């Protein structure tokens, strides 16, 4: 069915009743329509995803999507009259961005900054680079700390007899504080 905005304005209730759950129309096209939705109207041919579909498409769990929404990292999802969250393709792209940034070890606050830079078309790439280099410095510090832990544990494990004896240099070291 090839529906136009004029068709929708002429009979919005009919078109709404014939639409699937995962179809939507942008806010601009919905302007002036009185449809029983909350913030997003729906039109055939334009896909929206429920939270499970958005989770699968982005690699971010539904629980984390709700968490990111609750802390303001992502915009609140538009909802159907029944309260179901609806996500556009752009929302999924933002979730994929967050997923990739988390995989690279960025903190939520750093991701908030990266998202702002990503969405700012007038940004200077130097700002993005500075944030990335700062994160690299943090990672190098963590790597050095972990390498020191590994050396200590390797030394302790090598000094442990690993037999039936009760004495254990690993436990002695941990108890010594």
Protein backbone atom coordinates (compact mmCIF):
# COMPACT_ATOMS: atom_id res chain seq x y z
CA UNK A 1 0.00 0.00 0.00
CA UNK A 2 1.46 3.39 -1.00
CA UNK A 3 0.11 5.82 1.57
CA UNK A 4 0.65 9.56 1.36
CA UNK A 5 0.49 12.14 4.13
CA UNK A 6 -2.71 13.41 2.52
CA UNK A 7 -4.27 9.94 2.79
CA UNK A 8 -3.24 9.76 6.41
CA UNK A 9 -4.66 13.18 7.23
CA UNK A 10 -7.93 12.27 5.51
CA UNK A 11 -8.44 9.12 7.58
CA UNK A 12 -5.79 8.70 10.31
CA UNK A 13 -7.72 6.18 12.40
CA UNK A 14 -8.16 3.79 9.44
CA UNK A 15 -4.48 3.94 8.52
CA UNK A 16 -3.38 3.57 12.11
CA UNK A 17 -5.55 0.47 12.47
CA UNK A 18 -4.00 -1.11 9.35
CA UNK A 19 -0.38 -0.48 10.37
CA UNK A 20 1.98 -2.97 11.94
CA UNK A 21 3.64 -2.31 15.30
CA UNK A 22 7.03 -1.70 13.72
CA UNK A 23 6.14 1.04 11.27
CA UNK A 24 6.57 4.74 11.91
CA UNK A 25 6.74 8.22 10.44
CA UNK A 26 9.02 11.11 11.38
CA UNK A 27 7.76 13.86 13.71
CA UNK A 28 7.83 16.45 10.94
CA UNK A 29 5.50 14.42 8.72
CA UNK A 30 3.22 13.81 11.71
CA UNK A 31 2.83 17.49 12.51
CA UNK A 32 -0.81 18.43 12.78
CA UNK A 33 -2.09 14.86 12.92
CA UNK A 34 -4.15 13.72 15.84
CA UNK A 35 -3.07 10.12 16.23
CA UNK A 36 -3.26 7.98 19.35
CA UNK A 37 0.50 7.58 19.81
CA UNK A 38 2.95 9.17 22.20
CA UNK A 39 5.53 11.28 20.33
CA UNK A 40 5.78 9.17 17.19
CA UNK A 41 3.18 8.33 14.61
CA UNK A 42 3.28 5.28 12.41
CA UNK A 43 3.03 4.80 8.65
CA UNK A 44 3.48 1.72 6.45
CA UNK A 45 6.89 1.30 4.88
CA UNK A 46 8.89 3.04 7.58
CA UNK A 47 10.29 0.57 10.10
CA UNK A 48 10.64 1.11 13.82
CA UNK A 49 11.96 -1.51 16.18
CA UNK A 50 10.80 -2.61 19.59
CA UNK A 51 13.43 -2.87 22.33
CA UNK A 52 14.21 -6.53 21.65
CA UNK A 53 14.74 -5.87 17.96
CA UNK A 54 16.88 -2.80 18.71
CA UNK A 55 18.93 -4.85 21.17
CA UNK A 56 19.56 -7.58 18.61
CA UNK A 57 20.41 -5.08 15.86
CA UNK A 58 22.80 -3.07 18.04
CA UNK A 59 24.44 -5.75 20.17
CA UNK A 60 23.34 -3.90 23.34
CA UNK A 61 21.08 -5.79 25.73
CA UNK A 62 17.56 -4.50 26.39
CA UNK A 63 18.53 -4.03 30.04
CA UNK A 64 21.46 -1.81 29.06
CA UNK A 65 19.33 0.15 26.59
CA UNK A 66 16.92 0.95 29.44
CA UNK A 67 19.90 1.85 31.66
CA UNK A 68 21.41 4.17 29.04
CA UNK A 69 18.02 5.84 28.71
CA UNK A 70 17.67 6.20 32.50
CA UNK A 71 21.05 7.96 32.83
CA UNK A 72 20.43 10.18 29.82
CA UNK A 73 23.13 8.68 27.62
CA UNK A 74 20.51 8.12 24.92
CA UNK A 75 17.28 10.00 24.33
CA UNK A 76 14.14 8.56 25.82
CA UNK A 77 12.54 6.17 23.36
CA UNK A 78 9.33 7.17 21.74
CA UNK A 79 6.46 5.01 22.90
CA UNK A 80 3.26 3.57 21.58
CA UNK A 81 0.02 4.31 23.36
CA UNK A 82 0.48 0.98 25.13
CA UNK A 83 3.88 2.14 26.41
CA UNK A 84 6.12 0.01 24.20
CA UNK A 85 9.42 1.62 23.28
CA UNK A 86 10.03 2.30 19.59
CA UNK A 87 13.46 2.79 18.05
CA UNK A 88 14.34 4.24 14.67
CA UNK A 89 17.36 3.19 12.64
CA UNK A 90 19.21 6.29 13.92
CA UNK A 91 18.61 5.09 17.50
CA UNK A 92 20.15 1.73 16.59
CA UNK A 93 23.18 3.51 15.10
CA UNK A 94 23.66 5.41 18.36
CA UNK A 95 23.43 2.13 20.30
CA UNK A 96 25.98 0.53 17.95
CA UNK A 97 28.27 3.53 18.52
CA UNK A 98 27.95 3.07 22.29
CA UNK A 99 28.55 -0.68 21.99
CA UNK A 100 31.75 -0.15 19.99
CA UNK A 101 32.98 2.57 22.36
CA UNK A 102 32.36 0.28 25.37
CA UNK A 103 34.27 -2.51 23.60
CA UNK A 104 37.22 -0.10 23.34
CA UNK A 105 37.01 0.56 27.08
CA UNK A 106 35.66 4.10 27.06
CA UNK A 107 33.81 5.12 30.23
CA UNK A 108 30.19 6.21 30.06
CA UNK A 109 31.24 9.84 30.58
CA UNK A 110 33.77 9.57 27.75
CA UNK A 111 31.09 8.01 25.56
CA UNK A 112 28.77 10.91 26.39
CA UNK A 113 31.51 13.27 25.16
CA UNK A 114 32.16 11.16 22.06
CA UNK A 115 28.46 11.09 21.20
CA UNK A 116 28.30 14.87 21.50
CA UNK A 117 31.30 15.19 19.20
CA UNK A 118 29.87 12.66 16.73
CA UNK A 119 26.59 14.54 16.53
CA UNK A 120 28.30 17.95 16.19
CA UNK A 121 29.10 18.33 12.51
CA UNK A 122 31.11 21.49 13.28
CA UNK A 123 33.44 19.62 15.67
CA UNK A 124 37.18 19.72 15.37
CA UNK A 125 38.72 16.30 14.88
CA UNK A 126 41.46 17.47 17.25
CA UNK A 127 38.90 17.25 20.08
CA UNK A 128 38.13 13.63 19.22
CA UNK A 129 41.81 12.81 18.92
CA UNK A 130 42.56 14.40 22.30
CA UNK A 131 39.86 12.30 23.95
CA UNK A 132 41.19 9.14 22.28
CA UNK A 133 44.78 9.90 23.30
CA UNK A 134 43.68 10.53 26.88
CA UNK A 135 41.98 7.14 26.86
CA UNK A 136 45.12 5.53 25.44
CA UNK A 137 47.11 7.00 28.35
CA UNK A 138 44.60 5.51 30.82
CA UNK A 139 44.82 2.13 29.09
CA UNK A 140 48.63 2.17 29.18
CA UNK A 141 48.53 2.90 32.92
CA UNK A 142 46.09 0.00 33.49
CA UNK A 143 48.24 -2.31 31.35
CA UNK A 144 51.34 -1.41 33.40
CA UNK A 145 49.41 -2.09 36.64
CA UNK A 146 48.19 -5.44 35.32
CA UNK A 147 51.68 -6.43 34.16
CA UNK A 148 52.99 -5.68 37.67
CA UNK A 149 50.21 -7.84 39.14
CA UNK A 150 51.10 -10.63 36.74
CA UNK A 151 54.79 -10.49 37.66
CA UNK A 152 53.94 -10.63 41.38
CA UNK A 153 51.52 -13.53 40.95
CA UNK A 154 53.99 -15.40 38.73
CA UNK A 155 56.71 -15.01 41.37
CA UNK A 156 54.33 -16.18 44.12
CA UNK A 157 53.06 -19.13 42.08
CA UNK A 158 56.64 -20.18 41.30
CA UNK A 159 57.51 -20.13 45.01
CA UNK A 160 54.52 -22.29 45.92
CA UNK A 161 55.25 -26.01 46.21
CA UNK A 162 51.76 -26.95 45.02
CA UNK A 163 51.75 -30.20 46.97
CA UNK A 164 50.08 -31.56 50.11
CA UNK A 165 51.82 -29.12 52.45
CA UNK A 166 49.68 -26.58 54.29
CA UNK A 167 52.18 -23.72 54.04
CA UNK A 168 51.56 -21.51 51.04
CA UNK A 169 53.61 -18.45 50.07
CA UNK A 170 50.69 -17.06 48.06
CA UNK A 171 48.37 -17.02 51.09
CA UNK A 172 51.23 -15.76 53.32
CA UNK A 173 51.80 -12.82 50.95
CA UNK A 174 48.10 -11.98 50.82
CA UNK A 175 47.86 -12.14 54.62
CA UNK A 176 50.91 -9.88 55.01
CA UNK A 177 48.99 -7.11 53.27
